[in-house]
PDB file of N, CA and C in Angstrom:
ATOM      1  N   MET A   1      90.790 116.489 118.363  1.00  0.00           N
ATOM      2  CA  MET A   1      91.008 115.374 117.452  1.00  0.00           C
ATOM      3  C   MET A   1      91.819 115.817 116.227  1.00  0.00           C
ATOM      4  N   LYS A   2      91.612 117.067 115.819  1.00  0.00           N
ATOM      5  CA  LYS A   2      92.296 117.595 114.645  1.00  0.00           C
ATOM      6  C   LYS A   2      93.821 117.515 114.821  1.00  0.00           C
ATOM      7  N   ASP A   3      94.316 117.903 115.979  1.00  0.00           N
ATOM      8  CA  ASP A   3      95.757 117.850 116.228  1.00  0.00           C
ATOM      9  C   ASP A   3      96.267 116.414 116.299  1.00  0.00           C
ATOM     10  N   GLU A   4      95.455 115.531 116.874  1.00  0.00           N
ATOM     11  CA  GLU A   4      95.836 114.113 116.946  1.00  0.00           C
ATOM     12  C   GLU A   4      95.956 113.507 115.554  1.00  0.00           C
ATOM     13  N   ILE A   5      95.027 113.875 114.692  1.00  0.00           N
ATOM     14  CA  ILE A   5      95.049 113.362 113.322  1.00  0.00           C
ATOM     15  C   ILE A   5      96.291 113.858 112.595  1.00  0.00           C
ATOM     16  N   LEU A   6      96.567 115.142 112.707  1.00  0.00           N
ATOM     17  CA  LEU A   6      97.742 115.693 112.040  1.00  0.00           C
ATOM     18  C   LEU A   6      99.018 115.027 112.553  1.00  0.00           C
ATOM     19  N   ALA A   7      99.116 114.843 113.852  1.00  0.00           N
ATOM     20  CA  ALA A   7     100.300 114.188 114.423  1.00  0.00           C
ATOM     21  C   ALA A   7     100.434 112.763 113.896  1.00  0.00           C
ATOM     22  N   ALA A   8      99.337 112.037 113.821  1.00  0.00           N
ATOM     23  CA  ALA A   8      99.377 110.667 113.313  1.00  0.00           C
ATOM     24  C   ALA A   8      99.788 110.648 111.846  1.00  0.00           C
ATOM     25  N   LEU A   9      99.301 111.598 111.060  1.00  0.00           N
ATOM     26  CA  LEU A   9      99.678 111.669 109.650  1.00  0.00           C
ATOM     27  C   LEU A   9     101.158 112.003 109.506  1.00  0.00           C
ATOM     28  N   GLN A  10     101.632 112.947 110.302  1.00  0.00           N
ATOM     29  CA  GLN A  10     103.044 113.321 110.243  1.00  0.00           C
ATOM     30  C   GLN A  10     103.952 112.158 110.643  1.00  0.00           C
ATOM     31  N   ASP A  11     103.489 111.367 111.623  1.00  0.00           N
ATOM     32  CA  ASP A  11     104.262 110.208 112.087  1.00  0.00           C
ATOM     33  C   ASP A  11     104.027 108.954 111.248  1.00  0.00           C
ATOM     34  N   LYS A  12     103.145 109.069 110.253  1.00  0.00           N
ATOM     35  CA  LYS A  12     102.762 107.917 109.415  1.00  0.00           C
ATOM     36  C   LYS A  12     102.260 106.757 110.271  1.00  0.00           C
ATOM     37  N   ASP A  13     101.463 107.118 111.266  1.00  0.00           N
ATOM     38  CA  ASP A  13     100.964 106.154 112.250  1.00  0.00           C
ATOM     39  C   ASP A  13      99.530 105.749 111.910  1.00  0.00           C
ATOM     40  N   VAL A  14      99.399 104.835 110.953  1.00  0.00           N
ATOM     41  CA  VAL A  14      98.078 104.393 110.508  1.00  0.00           C
ATOM     42  C   VAL A  14      97.357 103.646 111.628  1.00  0.00           C
ATOM     43  N   ASN A  15      98.100 102.979 112.495  1.00  0.00           N
ATOM     44  CA  ASN A  15      97.462 102.290 113.625  1.00  0.00           C
ATOM     45  C   ASN A  15      96.774 103.281 114.556  1.00  0.00           C
ATOM     46  N   ARG A  16      97.380 104.448 114.756  1.00  0.00           N
ATOM     47  CA  ARG A  16      96.746 105.492 115.581  1.00  0.00           C
ATOM     48  C   ARG A  16      95.476 105.984 114.887  1.00  0.00           C
ATOM     49  N   ILE A  17      95.532 106.122 113.583  1.00  0.00           N
ATOM     50  CA  ILE A  17      94.343 106.530 112.822  1.00  0.00           C
ATOM     51  C   ILE A  17      93.250 105.487 112.988  1.00  0.00           C
ATOM     52  N   ARG A  18      93.608 104.205 112.900  1.00  0.00           N
ATOM     53  CA  ARG A  18      92.610 103.140 113.080  1.00  0.00           C
ATOM     54  C   ARG A  18      91.976 103.225 114.475  1.00  0.00           C
ATOM     55  N   GLU A  19      92.808 103.490 115.474  1.00  0.00           N
ATOM     56  CA  GLU A  19      92.309 103.619 116.847  1.00  0.00           C
ATOM     57  C   GLU A  19      91.330 104.783 116.961  1.00  0.00           C
ATOM     58  N   LEU A  20      91.689 105.914 116.388  1.00  0.00           N
ATOM     59  CA  LEU A  20      90.790 107.073 116.405  1.00  0.00           C
ATOM     60  C   LEU A  20      89.518 106.780 115.607  1.00  0.00           C
ATOM     61  N   ALA A  21      89.685 106.118 114.477  1.00  0.00           N
ATOM     62  CA  ALA A  21      88.551 105.806 113.611  1.00  0.00           C
ATOM     63  C   ALA A  21      87.569 104.864 114.282  1.00  0.00           C
ATOM     64  N   SER A  22      88.069 103.962 115.092  1.00  0.00           N
ATOM     65  CA  SER A  22      87.171 103.007 115.748  1.00  0.00           C
ATOM     66  C   SER A  22      86.219 103.695 116.718  1.00  0.00           C
ATOM     67  N   LYS A  23      86.560 104.923 117.107  1.00  0.00           N
ATOM     68  CA  LYS A  23      85.733 105.665 118.071  1.00  0.00           C
ATOM     69  C   LYS A  23      84.798 106.672 117.407  1.00  0.00           C
ATOM     70  N   LYS A  24      85.252 107.258 116.297  1.00  0.00           N
ATOM     71  CA  LYS A  24      84.456 108.317 115.662  1.00  0.00           C
ATOM     72  C   LYS A  24      84.515 108.205 114.146  1.00  0.00           C
ATOM     73  N   LYS A  25      83.358 108.085 113.550  1.00  0.00           N
ATOM     74  CA  LYS A  25      83.340 108.006 112.090  1.00  0.00           C
ATOM     75  C   LYS A  25      83.566 109.365 111.435  1.00  0.00           C
ATOM     76  N   SER A  26      83.442 110.430 112.201  1.00  0.00           N
ATOM     77  CA  SER A  26      83.702 111.762 111.649  1.00  0.00           C
ATOM     78  C   SER A  26      85.158 111.929 111.224  1.00  0.00           C
ATOM     79  N   ILE A  27      85.999 110.974 111.598  1.00  0.00           N
ATOM     80  CA  ILE A  27      87.403 111.047 111.192  1.00  0.00           C
ATOM     81  C   ILE A  27      87.538 111.046 109.671  1.00  0.00           C
ATOM     82  N   LEU A  28      86.609 110.406 108.964  1.00  0.00           N
ATOM     83  CA  LEU A  28      86.694 110.376 107.502  1.00  0.00           C
ATOM     84  C   LEU A  28      86.646 111.785 106.919  1.00  0.00           C
ATOM     85  N   THR A  29      85.746 112.620 107.402  1.00  0.00           N
ATOM     86  CA  THR A  29      85.660 113.983 106.869  1.00  0.00           C
ATOM     87  C   THR A  29      86.852 114.824 107.318  1.00  0.00           C
ATOM     88  N   LYS A  30      87.346 114.571 108.522  1.00  0.00           N
ATOM     89  CA  LYS A  30      88.519 115.310 108.997  1.00  0.00           C
ATOM     90  C   LYS A  30      89.761 114.923 108.181  1.00  0.00           C
ATOM     91  N   LEU A  31      89.870 113.651 107.847  1.00  0.00           N
ATOM     92  CA  LEU A  31      90.983 113.217 107.012  1.00  0.00           C
ATOM     93  C   LEU A  31      90.838 113.737 105.582  1.00  0.00           C
ATOM     94  N   LEU A  32      89.613 113.780 105.091  1.00  0.00           N
ATOM     95  CA  LEU A  32      89.388 114.307 103.740  1.00  0.00           C
ATOM     96  C   LEU A  32      89.877 115.751 103.645  1.00  0.00           C
ATOM     97  N   ALA A  33      89.668 116.522 104.690  1.00  0.00           N
ATOM     98  CA  ALA A  33      90.150 117.903 104.710  1.00  0.00           C
ATOM     99  C   ALA A  33      91.676 117.951 104.576  1.00  0.00           C
ATOM    100  N   ARG A  34      92.354 116.938 105.075  1.00  0.00           N
ATOM    101  CA  ARG A  34      93.821 116.888 105.002  1.00  0.00           C
ATOM    102  C   ARG A  34      94.324 116.589 103.591  1.00  0.00           C
ATOM    103  N   THR A  35      93.438 116.169 102.688  1.00  0.00           N
ATOM    104  CA  THR A  35      93.868 115.955 101.304  1.00  0.00           C
ATOM    105  C   THR A  35      94.083 117.285 100.581  1.00  0.00           C
ATOM    106  N   TYR A  36      93.748 118.385 101.250  1.00  0.00           N
ATOM    107  CA  TYR A  36      93.988 119.720 100.712  1.00  0.00           C
ATOM    108  C   TYR A  36      95.234 120.356 101.324  1.00  0.00           C
ATOM    109  N   ASP A  37      95.951 119.634 102.166  1.00  0.00           N
ATOM    110  CA  ASP A  37      97.136 120.146 102.837  1.00  0.00           C
ATOM    111  C   ASP A  37      98.193 120.544 101.805  1.00  0.00           C
ATOM    112  N   HIS A  38      98.979 121.552 102.144  1.00  0.00           N
ATOM    113  CA  HIS A  38     100.050 121.988 101.240  1.00  0.00           C
ATOM    114  C   HIS A  38     101.166 120.950 101.137  1.00  0.00           C
ATOM    115  N   ASP A  39     101.318 120.152 102.173  1.00  0.00           N
ATOM    116  CA  ASP A  39     102.367 119.135 102.216  1.00  0.00           C
ATOM    117  C   ASP A  39     101.884 117.878 101.490  1.00  0.00           C
ATOM    118  N   GLU A  40     102.544 117.544 100.401  1.00  0.00           N
ATOM    119  CA  GLU A  40     102.119 116.392  99.587  1.00  0.00           C
ATOM    120  C   GLU A  40     102.159 115.090 100.379  1.00  0.00           C
ATOM    121  N   GLU A  41     103.128 114.943 101.258  1.00  0.00           N
ATOM    122  CA  GLU A  41     103.216 113.722 102.055  1.00  0.00           C
ATOM    123  C   GLU A  41     102.009 113.575 102.993  1.00  0.00           C
ATOM    124  N   ILE A  42     101.557 114.678 103.556  1.00  0.00           N
ATOM    125  CA  ILE A  42     100.362 114.651 104.414  1.00  0.00           C
ATOM    126  C   ILE A  42      99.153 114.261 103.579  1.00  0.00           C
ATOM    127  N   ARG A  43      99.037 114.815 102.374  1.00  0.00           N
ATOM    128  CA  ARG A  43      97.905 114.466 101.499  1.00  0.00           C
ATOM    129  C   ARG A  43      97.859 112.966 101.249  1.00  0.00           C
ATOM    130  N   TRP A  44      99.001 112.372 100.900  1.00  0.00           N
ATOM    131  CA  TRP A  44      99.019 110.934 100.613  1.00  0.00           C
ATOM    132  C   TRP A  44      98.798 110.103 101.872  1.00  0.00           C
ATOM    133  N   GLN A  45      99.301 110.545 103.002  1.00  0.00           N
ATOM    134  CA  GLN A  45      99.030 109.848 104.262  1.00  0.00           C
ATOM    135  C   GLN A  45      97.540 109.899 104.576  1.00  0.00           C
ATOM    136  N   ALA A  46      96.911 111.028 104.259  1.00  0.00           N
ATOM    137  CA  ALA A  46      95.471 111.156 104.475  1.00  0.00           C
ATOM    138  C   ALA A  46      94.709 110.160 103.604  1.00  0.00           C
ATOM    139  N   VAL A  47      95.133 109.996 102.357  1.00  0.00           N
ATOM    140  CA  VAL A  47      94.485 109.030 101.460  1.00  0.00           C
ATOM    141  C   VAL A  47      94.583 107.629 102.053  1.00  0.00           C
ATOM    142  N   GLU A  48      95.783 107.239 102.448  1.00  0.00           N
ATOM    143  CA  GLU A  48      95.990 105.914 103.035  1.00  0.00           C
ATOM    144  C   GLU A  48      95.178 105.744 104.322  1.00  0.00           C
ATOM    145  N   SER A  49      95.128 106.795 105.114  1.00  0.00           N
ATOM    146  CA  SER A  49      94.407 106.729 106.387  1.00  0.00           C
ATOM    147  C   SER A  49      92.901 106.660 106.196  1.00  0.00           C
ATOM    148  N   ILE A  50      92.387 107.358 105.191  1.00  0.00           N
ATOM    149  CA  ILE A  50      90.954 107.271 104.895  1.00  0.00           C
ATOM    150  C   ILE A  50      90.598 105.844 104.504  1.00  0.00           C
ATOM    151  N   ALA A  51      91.451 105.217 103.724  1.00  0.00           N
ATOM    152  CA  ALA A  51      91.202 103.822 103.328  1.00  0.00           C
ATOM    153  C   ALA A  51      91.137 102.931 104.560  1.00  0.00           C
ATOM    154  N   ALA A  52      92.081 103.106 105.481  1.00  0.00           N
ATOM    155  CA  ALA A  52      92.106 102.292 106.705  1.00  0.00           C
ATOM    156  C   ALA A  52      90.871 102.550 107.557  1.00  0.00           C
ATOM    157  N   ALA A  53      90.510 103.820 107.721  1.00  0.00           N
ATOM    158  CA  ALA A  53      89.343 104.171 108.539  1.00  0.00           C
ATOM    159  C   ALA A  53      88.054 103.686 107.886  1.00  0.00           C
ATOM    160  N   SER A  54      87.977 103.772 106.561  1.00  0.00           N
ATOM    161  CA  SER A  54      86.753 103.344 105.874  1.00  0.00           C
ATOM    162  C   SER A  54      86.522 101.847 106.032  1.00  0.00           C
ATOM    163  N   SER A  55      87.605 101.076 106.085  1.00  0.00           N
ATOM    164  CA  SER A  55      87.419  99.627 106.228  1.00  0.00           C
ATOM    165  C   SER A  55      86.827  99.284 107.591  1.00  0.00           C
ATOM    166  N   ILE A  56      87.156 100.072 108.594  1.00  0.00           N
ATOM    167  CA  ILE A  56      86.554  99.871 109.925  1.00  0.00           C
ATOM    168  C   ILE A  56      85.065 100.185 109.872  1.00  0.00           C
ATOM    169  N   TRP A  57      84.737 101.334 109.272  1.00  0.00           N
ATOM    170  CA  TRP A  57      83.333 101.752 109.253  1.00  0.00           C
ATOM    171  C   TRP A  57      82.494 100.998 108.234  1.00  0.00           C
ATOM    172  N   ALA A  58      83.116 100.429 107.223  1.00  0.00           N
ATOM    173  CA  ALA A  58      82.356  99.606 106.270  1.00  0.00           C
ATOM    174  C   ALA A  58      81.778  98.381 106.976  1.00  0.00           C
ATOM    175  N   ARG A  59      82.490  97.882 107.969  1.00  0.00           N
ATOM    176  CA  ARG A  59      81.988  96.735 108.742  1.00  0.00           C
ATOM    177  C   ARG A  59      80.939  97.161 109.773  1.00  0.00           C
ATOM    178  N   LYS A  60      81.075  98.372 110.310  1.00  0.00           N
ATOM    179  CA  LYS A  60      80.177  98.842 111.373  1.00  0.00           C
ATOM    180  C   LYS A  60      78.931  99.543 110.832  1.00  0.00           C
ATOM    181  N   ASP A  61      79.116 100.340 109.770  1.00  0.00           N
ATOM    182  CA  ASP A  61      78.036 101.182 109.263  1.00  0.00           C
ATOM    183  C   ASP A  61      78.256 101.418 107.768  1.00  0.00           C
ATOM    184  N   LEU A  62      77.989 100.392 106.972  1.00  0.00           N
ATOM    185  CA  LEU A  62      78.222 100.470 105.531  1.00  0.00           C
ATOM    186  C   LEU A  62      77.488 101.639 104.873  1.00  0.00           C
ATOM    187  N   PRO A  63      76.229 101.930 105.229  1.00  0.00           N
ATOM    188  CA  PRO A  63      75.567 103.080 104.596  1.00  0.00           C
ATOM    189  C   PRO A  63      76.316 104.404 104.805  1.00  0.00           C
ATOM    190  N   PHE A  64      76.964 104.565 105.938  1.00  0.00           N
ATOM    191  CA  PHE A  64      77.751 105.773 106.175  1.00  0.00           C
ATOM    192  C   PHE A  64      78.897 105.873 105.168  1.00  0.00           C
ATOM    193  N   VAL A  65      79.604 104.780 104.953  1.00  0.00           N
ATOM    194  CA  VAL A  65      80.726 104.774 104.006  1.00  0.00           C
ATOM    195  C   VAL A  65      80.201 104.945 102.578  1.00  0.00           C
ATOM    196  N   GLN A  66      79.071 104.352 102.275  1.00  0.00           N
ATOM    197  CA  GLN A  66      78.478 104.534 100.947  1.00  0.00           C
ATOM    198  C   GLN A  66      78.151 106.011 100.707  1.00  0.00           C
ATOM    199  N   ASN A  67      77.593 106.669 101.709  1.00  0.00           N
ATOM    200  CA  ASN A  67      77.288 108.099 101.576  1.00  0.00           C
ATOM    201  C   ASN A  67      78.562 108.923 101.417  1.00  0.00           C
ATOM    202  N   PHE A  68      79.604 108.548 102.126  1.00  0.00           N
ATOM    203  CA  PHE A  68      80.898 109.230 101.990  1.00  0.00           C
ATOM    204  C   PHE A  68      81.413 109.060 100.552  1.00  0.00           C
ATOM    205  N   CYS A  69      81.292 107.866 100.009  1.00  0.00           N
ATOM    206  CA  CYS A  69      81.716 107.619  98.628  1.00  0.00           C
ATOM    207  C   CYS A  69      80.859 108.404  97.635  1.00  0.00           C
ATOM    208  N   ARG A  70      79.582 108.512  97.906  1.00  0.00           N
ATOM    209  CA  ARG A  70      78.705 109.323  97.030  1.00  0.00           C
ATOM    210  C   ARG A  70      79.167 110.775  97.026  1.00  0.00           C
ATOM    211  N   ARG A  71      79.571 111.250  98.191  1.00  0.00           N
ATOM    212  CA  ARG A  71      80.083 112.618  98.291  1.00  0.00           C
ATOM    213  C   ARG A  71      81.339 112.772  97.433  1.00  0.00           C
ATOM    214  N   LEU A  72      82.213 111.775  97.458  1.00  0.00           N
ATOM    215  CA  LEU A  72      83.421 111.826  96.647  1.00  0.00           C
ATOM    216  C   LEU A  72      83.085 111.814  95.160  1.00  0.00           C
ATOM    217  N   VAL A  73      82.121 110.984  94.766  1.00  0.00           N
ATOM    218  CA  VAL A  73      81.698 110.940  93.361  1.00  0.00           C
ATOM    219  C   VAL A  73      81.134 112.297  92.955  1.00  0.00           C
ATOM    220  N   TRP A  74      80.352 112.911  93.819  1.00  0.00           N
ATOM    221  CA  TRP A  74      79.792 114.233  93.531  1.00  0.00           C
ATOM    222  C   TRP A  74      80.924 115.243  93.337  1.00  0.00           C
ATOM    223  N   MET A  75      81.993 115.134  94.129  1.00  0.00           N
ATOM    224  CA  MET A  75      83.130 116.049  94.009  1.00  0.00           C
ATOM    225  C   MET A  75      83.837 115.901  92.662  1.00  0.00           C
ATOM    226  N   LEU A  76      83.680 114.754  92.021  1.00  0.00           N
ATOM    227  CA  LEU A  76      84.278 114.532  90.708  1.00  0.00           C
ATOM    228  C   LEU A  76      83.498 115.227  89.598  1.00  0.00           C
ATOM    229  N   ASN A  77      82.283 115.617  89.901  1.00  0.00           N
ATOM    230  CA  ASN A  77      81.381 116.211  88.928  1.00  0.00           C
ATOM    231  C   ASN A  77      81.637 117.711  88.841  1.00  0.00           C
ATOM    232  N   ASP A  78      81.769 118.231  87.642  1.00  0.00           N
ATOM    233  CA  ASP A  78      81.975 119.671  87.442  1.00  0.00           C
ATOM    234  C   ASP A  78      80.873 120.508  88.081  1.00  0.00           C
ATOM    235  N   GLU A  79      79.661 119.984  88.071  1.00  0.00           N
ATOM    236  CA  GLU A  79      78.517 120.723  88.595  1.00  0.00           C
ATOM    237  C   GLU A  79      78.561 120.908  90.110  1.00  0.00           C
ATOM    238  N   SER A  80      79.400 120.135  90.796  1.00  0.00           N
ATOM    239  CA  SER A  80      79.434 120.206  92.255  1.00  0.00           C
ATOM    240  C   SER A  80      80.015 121.523  92.749  1.00  0.00           C
ATOM    241  N   GLY A  81      80.880 122.141  91.940  1.00  0.00           N
ATOM    242  CA  GLY A  81      81.527 123.369  92.372  1.00  0.00           C
ATOM    243  C   GLY A  81      82.678 123.119  93.336  1.00  0.00           C
ATOM    244  N   ASN A  82      82.934 121.866  93.654  1.00  0.00           N
ATOM    245  CA  ASN A  82      84.031 121.515  94.557  1.00  0.00           C
ATOM    246  C   ASN A  82      85.314 121.321  93.774  1.00  0.00           C
ATOM    247  N   MET A  83      86.404 121.539  94.433  1.00  0.00           N
ATOM    248  CA  MET A  83      87.713 121.244  93.868  1.00  0.00           C
ATOM    249  C   MET A  83      88.245 120.010  94.579  1.00  0.00           C
ATOM    250  N   GLY A  84      87.659 118.895  94.289  1.00  0.00           N
ATOM    251  CA  GLY A  84      88.056 117.651  94.933  1.00  0.00           C
ATOM    252  C   GLY A  84      89.200 116.998  94.198  1.00  0.00           C
ATOM    253  N   TRP A  85      90.356 117.674  94.150  1.00  0.00           N
ATOM    254  CA  TRP A  85      91.462 117.177  93.357  1.00  0.00           C
ATOM    255  C   TRP A  85      91.915 115.784  93.781  1.00  0.00           C
ATOM    256  N   PHE A  86      91.805 115.474  95.054  1.00  0.00           N
ATOM    257  CA  PHE A  86      92.237 114.158  95.511  1.00  0.00           C
ATOM    258  C   PHE A  86      91.066 113.188  95.667  1.00  0.00           C
ATOM    259  N   ALA A  87      89.882 113.584  95.282  1.00  0.00           N
ATOM    260  CA  ALA A  87      88.709 112.713  95.416  1.00  0.00           C
ATOM    261  C   ALA A  87      88.889 111.369  94.698  1.00  0.00           C
ATOM    262  N   PRO A  88      89.444 111.325  93.477  1.00  0.00           N
ATOM    263  CA  PRO A  88      89.587 110.014  92.835  1.00  0.00           C
ATOM    264  C   PRO A  88      90.565 109.105  93.576  1.00  0.00           C
ATOM    265  N   GLN A  89      91.650 109.678  94.089  1.00  0.00           N
ATOM    266  CA  GLN A  89      92.608 108.868  94.828  1.00  0.00           C
ATOM    267  C   GLN A  89      91.979 108.325  96.108  1.00  0.00           C
ATOM    268  N   VAL A  90      91.224 109.184  96.791  1.00  0.00           N
ATOM    269  CA  VAL A  90      90.555 108.752  98.022  1.00  0.00           C
ATOM    270  C   VAL A  90      89.554 107.655  97.704  1.00  0.00           C
ATOM    271  N   LEU A  91      88.742 107.864  96.685  1.00  0.00           N
ATOM    272  CA  LEU A  91      87.746 106.863  96.304  1.00  0.00           C
ATOM    273  C   LEU A  91      88.425 105.554  95.909  1.00  0.00           C
ATOM    274  N   GLY A  92      89.492 105.634  95.130  1.00  0.00           N
ATOM    275  CA  GLY A  92      90.214 104.436  94.729  1.00  0.00           C
ATOM    276  C   GLY A  92      90.795 103.680  95.910  1.00  0.00           C
ATOM    277  N   ALA A  93      91.327 104.409  96.878  1.00  0.00           N
ATOM    278  CA  ALA A  93      91.896 103.766  98.072  1.00  0.00           C
ATOM    279  C   ALA A  93      90.808 103.095  98.899  1.00  0.00           C
ATOM    280  N   ILE A  94      89.661 103.746  99.022  1.00  0.00           N
ATOM    281  CA  ILE A  94      88.540 103.153  99.756  1.00  0.00           C
ATOM    282  C   ILE A  94      88.067 101.883  99.046  1.00  0.00           C
ATOM    283  N   LEU A  95      87.941 101.955  97.719  1.00  0.00           N
ATOM    284  CA  LEU A  95      87.482 100.791  96.955  1.00  0.00           C
ATOM    285  C   LEU A  95      88.476  99.637  97.030  1.00  0.00           C
ATOM    286  N   ALA A  96      89.757  99.955  97.090  1.00  0.00           N
ATOM    287  CA  ALA A  96      90.766  98.896  97.203  1.00  0.00           C
ATOM    288  C   ALA A  96      90.643  98.163  98.535  1.00  0.00           C
ATOM    289  N   GLU A  97      90.232  98.862  99.571  1.00  0.00           N
ATOM    290  CA  GLU A  97      90.056  98.246 100.892  1.00  0.00           C
ATOM    291  C   GLU A  97      88.735  97.495 101.018  1.00  0.00           C
ATOM    292  N   ASN A  98      87.734  97.923 100.259  1.00  0.00           N
ATOM    293  CA  ASN A  98      86.379  97.373 100.391  1.00  0.00           C
ATOM    294  C   ASN A  98      85.765  97.077  99.029  1.00  0.00           C
ATOM    295  N   PRO A  99      86.423  96.304  98.177  1.00  0.00           N
ATOM    296  CA  PRO A  99      85.940  96.163  96.798  1.00  0.00           C
ATOM    297  C   PRO A  99      84.563  95.531  96.665  1.00  0.00           C
ATOM    298  N   GLU A 100      84.277  94.520  97.444  1.00  0.00           N
ATOM    299  CA  GLU A 100      82.973  93.855  97.305  1.00  0.00           C
ATOM    300  C   GLU A 100      81.849  94.728  97.853  1.00  0.00           C
ATOM    301  N   ALA A 101      82.074  95.298  99.027  1.00  0.00           N
ATOM    302  CA  ALA A 101      81.019  96.071  99.689  1.00  0.00           C
ATOM    303  C   ALA A 101      80.665  97.346  98.931  1.00  0.00           C
ATOM    304  N   LEU A 102      81.633  97.885  98.184  1.00  0.00           N
ATOM    305  CA  LEU A 102      81.415  99.172  97.525  1.00  0.00           C
ATOM    306  C   LEU A 102      81.580  99.082  96.003  1.00  0.00           C
ATOM    307  N   SER A 103      81.356  97.913  95.461  1.00  0.00           N
ATOM    308  CA  SER A 103      81.591  97.687  94.027  1.00  0.00           C
ATOM    309  C   SER A 103      80.764  98.602  93.123  1.00  0.00           C
ATOM    310  N   GLU A 104      79.643  99.088  93.613  1.00  0.00           N
ATOM    311  CA  GLU A 104      78.799  99.973  92.796  1.00  0.00           C
ATOM    312  C   GLU A 104      79.516 101.266  92.403  1.00  0.00           C
ATOM    313  N   PHE A 105      80.583 101.627  93.143  1.00  0.00           N
ATOM    314  CA  PHE A 105      81.286 102.878  92.872  1.00  0.00           C
ATOM    315  C   PHE A 105      82.428 102.715  91.871  1.00  0.00           C
ATOM    316  N   ILE A 106      82.794 101.491  91.568  1.00  0.00           N
ATOM    317  CA  ILE A 106      83.906 101.260  90.639  1.00  0.00           C
ATOM    318  C   ILE A 106      83.588 101.830  89.251  1.00  0.00           C
ATOM    319  N   PRO A 107      82.418 101.541  88.666  1.00  0.00           N
ATOM    320  CA  PRO A 107      82.132 102.126  87.341  1.00  0.00           C
ATOM    321  C   PRO A 107      82.054 103.655  87.380  1.00  0.00           C
ATOM    322  N   LEU A 108      81.612 104.206  88.503  1.00  0.00           N
ATOM    323  CA  LEU A 108      81.539 105.668  88.610  1.00  0.00           C
ATOM    324  C   LEU A 108      82.931 106.288  88.586  1.00  0.00           C
ATOM    325  N   LEU A 109      83.857 105.649  89.262  1.00  0.00           N
ATOM    326  CA  LEU A 109      85.237 106.129  89.249  1.00  0.00           C
ATOM    327  C   LEU A 109      85.834 105.985  87.851  1.00  0.00           C
ATOM    328  N   LEU A 110      85.595 104.850  87.225  1.00  0.00           N
ATOM    329  CA  LEU A 110      86.138 104.621  85.885  1.00  0.00           C
ATOM    330  C   LEU A 110      85.546 105.565  84.847  1.00  0.00           C
ATOM    331  N   SER A 111      84.330 106.040  85.072  1.00  0.00           N
ATOM    332  CA  SER A 111      83.698 106.951  84.107  1.00  0.00           C
ATOM    333  C   SER A 111      84.466 108.264  83.972  1.00  0.00           C
ATOM    334  N   VAL A 112      85.232 108.618  84.986  1.00  0.00           N
ATOM    335  CA  VAL A 112      86.050 109.830  84.905  1.00  0.00           C
ATOM    336  C   VAL A 112      87.058 109.715  83.766  1.00  0.00           C
ATOM    337  N   LEU A 113      87.489 108.501  83.497  1.00  0.00           N
ATOM    338  CA  LEU A 113      88.477 108.288  82.440  1.00  0.00           C
ATOM    339  C   LEU A 113      87.900 108.502  81.048  1.00  0.00           C
ATOM    340  N   ASP A 114      86.569 108.549  80.933  1.00  0.00           N
ATOM    341  CA  ASP A 114      85.925 108.792  79.648  1.00  0.00           C
ATOM    342  C   ASP A 114      85.964 110.263  79.246  1.00  0.00           C
ATOM    343  N   GLN A 115      86.344 111.125  80.184  1.00  0.00           N
ATOM    344  CA  GLN A 115      86.418 112.551  79.869  1.00  0.00           C
ATOM    345  C   GLN A 115      87.521 112.783  78.848  1.00  0.00           C
ATOM    346  N   LYS A 116      87.254 113.645  77.921  1.00  0.00           N
ATOM    347  CA  LYS A 116      88.203 113.872  76.839  1.00  0.00           C
ATOM    348  C   LYS A 116      89.357 114.798  77.242  1.00  0.00           C
ATOM    349  N   ASN A 117      89.154 115.626  78.244  1.00  0.00           N
ATOM    350  CA  ASN A 117      90.215 116.545  78.645  1.00  0.00           C
ATOM    351  C   ASN A 117      91.023 115.962  79.813  1.00  0.00           C
ATOM    352  N   GLU A 118      92.307 116.250  79.813  1.00  0.00           N
ATOM    353  CA  GLU A 118      93.186 115.765  80.878  1.00  0.00           C
ATOM    354  C   GLU A 118      93.191 116.795  82.000  1.00  0.00           C
ATOM    355  N   THR A 119      92.844 116.356  83.168  1.00  0.00           N
ATOM    356  CA  THR A 119      92.822 117.218  84.341  1.00  0.00           C
ATOM    357  C   THR A 119      93.498 116.470  85.490  1.00  0.00           C
ATOM    358  N   PRO A 120      93.752 117.170  86.593  1.00  0.00           N
ATOM    359  CA  PRO A 120      94.254 116.456  87.770  1.00  0.00           C
ATOM    360  C   PRO A 120      93.290 115.358  88.236  1.00  0.00           C
ATOM    361  N   ILE A 121      91.999 115.557  87.997  1.00  0.00           N
ATOM    362  CA  ILE A 121      91.006 114.539  88.383  1.00  0.00           C
ATOM    363  C   ILE A 121      91.213 113.282  87.530  1.00  0.00           C
ATOM    364  N   THR A 122      91.447 113.474  86.240  1.00  0.00           N
ATOM    365  CA  THR A 122      91.695 112.326  85.357  1.00  0.00           C
ATOM    366  C   THR A 122      92.966 111.582  85.783  1.00  0.00           C
ATOM    367  N   ALA A 123      94.001 112.346  86.082  1.00  0.00           N
ATOM    368  CA  ALA A 123      95.255 111.730  86.540  1.00  0.00           C
ATOM    369  C   ALA A 123      95.026 110.958  87.842  1.00  0.00           C
ATOM    370  N   GLY A 124      94.216 111.521  88.730  1.00  0.00           N
ATOM    371  CA  GLY A 124      93.901 110.844  89.977  1.00  0.00           C
ATOM    372  C   GLY A 124      93.135 109.563  89.755  1.00  0.00           C
ATOM    373  N   ALA A 125      92.226 109.587  88.784  1.00  0.00           N
ATOM    374  CA  ALA A 125      91.460 108.378  88.468  1.00  0.00           C
ATOM    375  C   ALA A 125      92.365 107.304  87.878  1.00  0.00           C
ATOM    376  N   LEU A 126      93.342 107.710  87.089  1.00  0.00           N
ATOM    377  CA  LEU A 126      94.301 106.738  86.560  1.00  0.00           C
ATOM    378  C   LEU A 126      95.108 106.106  87.693  1.00  0.00           C
ATOM    379  N   TRP A 127      95.500 106.900  88.674  1.00  0.00           N
ATOM    380  CA  TRP A 127      96.202 106.357  89.838  1.00  0.00           C
ATOM    381  C   TRP A 127      95.310 105.364  90.573  1.00  0.00           C
ATOM    382  N   ALA A 128      94.053 105.754  90.771  1.00  0.00           N
ATOM    383  CA  ALA A 128      93.106 104.918  91.499  1.00  0.00           C
ATOM    384  C   ALA A 128      92.907 103.600  90.794  1.00  0.00           C
TER     385      ALA A 128
END
């Protein structure tokens, strides 16, 4: 599946991602890993693809997507020890696809903007 995902991202084939996502919800974590890719275009394709895949799973298994969003919020926290540089963009893209179902995460994303220091996370939250 890993190679299929990379090929779909390289081809900008969101429909292929949707097809893969309809079969396995683990695609969200596999796509999240692609947000660490050295290729910036792959990172952004991964963000867009996570949003598309999350909308499928929000209808099928909303608690799963909520837990995925909680993981992203945790990655925004300094205490997590994670370098979730693209976590705000991913969270913002998911929320844009599912605003009503996941509205509880909007204030959490916006709280990043209250930080006094400018970081890539803050910039990502502004994008989101």
